[in-house]
């Protein structure tokens, strides 16, 4: 009788299985503890894999950004490179000085000119080329796409050097074309009126490919059923483009406008290679002016203040663009 009872108890225990007894190691509390330990191990593994990136970010990004912010409130100069703690704290004097500095105001105006003309041209031409390559051109479509995108993957310094020779008033390609029709080519990069438009033309040509690729991706994401329904309703090509294509491309338009504006506000290589900010500071941009103050004249504190003014301008314009365009994407 005792043997049968013990066997029945063992059988009941086996049928009940693990986790049904009151033992904390196998009950609900034990399962919760196991899941918690598993999550802790996963979190630890995530932090370990992220550690190399975090170290690089802190050393090469976070620390320089914070150091530059601190420098903008000092008179940090060449003498402080070896003794940084000897820099004198000047408060907001560098920022106040900026807006009474004619050279900085000139560079700010030139940068605004570059952005106001360059961004709409780049966006408009990029959209036109994208529409043509997506719908209007059937043959050699890949060839044209690669051709328009090739300048994007070319080093900006190489592009600027080539354009400088193309626009050379004596031996350049444009000068040769002018001479074929009996005219003398103007000095595009030596004229105060033509230097900035010439750089804008080069920037638009180089960045056209990036915007084109973004718009092609946006166009291919538009459902074909929507276009077909519009055509069945008798919509013309222009009506379809204005009423369907453009509204559905607003998210892509927003992204392309924001990244193009940020890039043009930071324009540096074009004037640095092509004109050195001349003639008469007509192509001097904020980034080039910042470089001069920091690395030519070693006014590190003043250049840092200039960098943060540019940062605030970029943030303000980006937020404005997001507010103006994002509400229409809903």
Foldseek 3Di string as FASTA:
>chain_A
DVVVVVVVVVVVVVVVPFQPDPDCCGHPVVVVVVVVVVVVVVVVVVCVVCVVVVVCCVVPPVVVLVVLVQLLQWQFFPVCPVPVVPTHGNGCPLVVVLVVDPLNVLQAVLLVVLLVPQLVLLLVLLLVLLVCLQPVDDPCSVVVLCVQQVLQPDDPLVLLVLLLQQQDQPRHVVQVVQVVVPHGRDNQCADLVRNSVSLSVSVSSNCSSVLNVLLNVQVVPQDVVVVVVCVVVPDDPVRCCVVPVVLSCLVSSLVSSLVVSVPSLLDDSNCVNRPLCDDVNSNNHLNSVLCCVCPVVRSSNSSSSSVVVSVVVSVVVSVVSCVVRVVSND
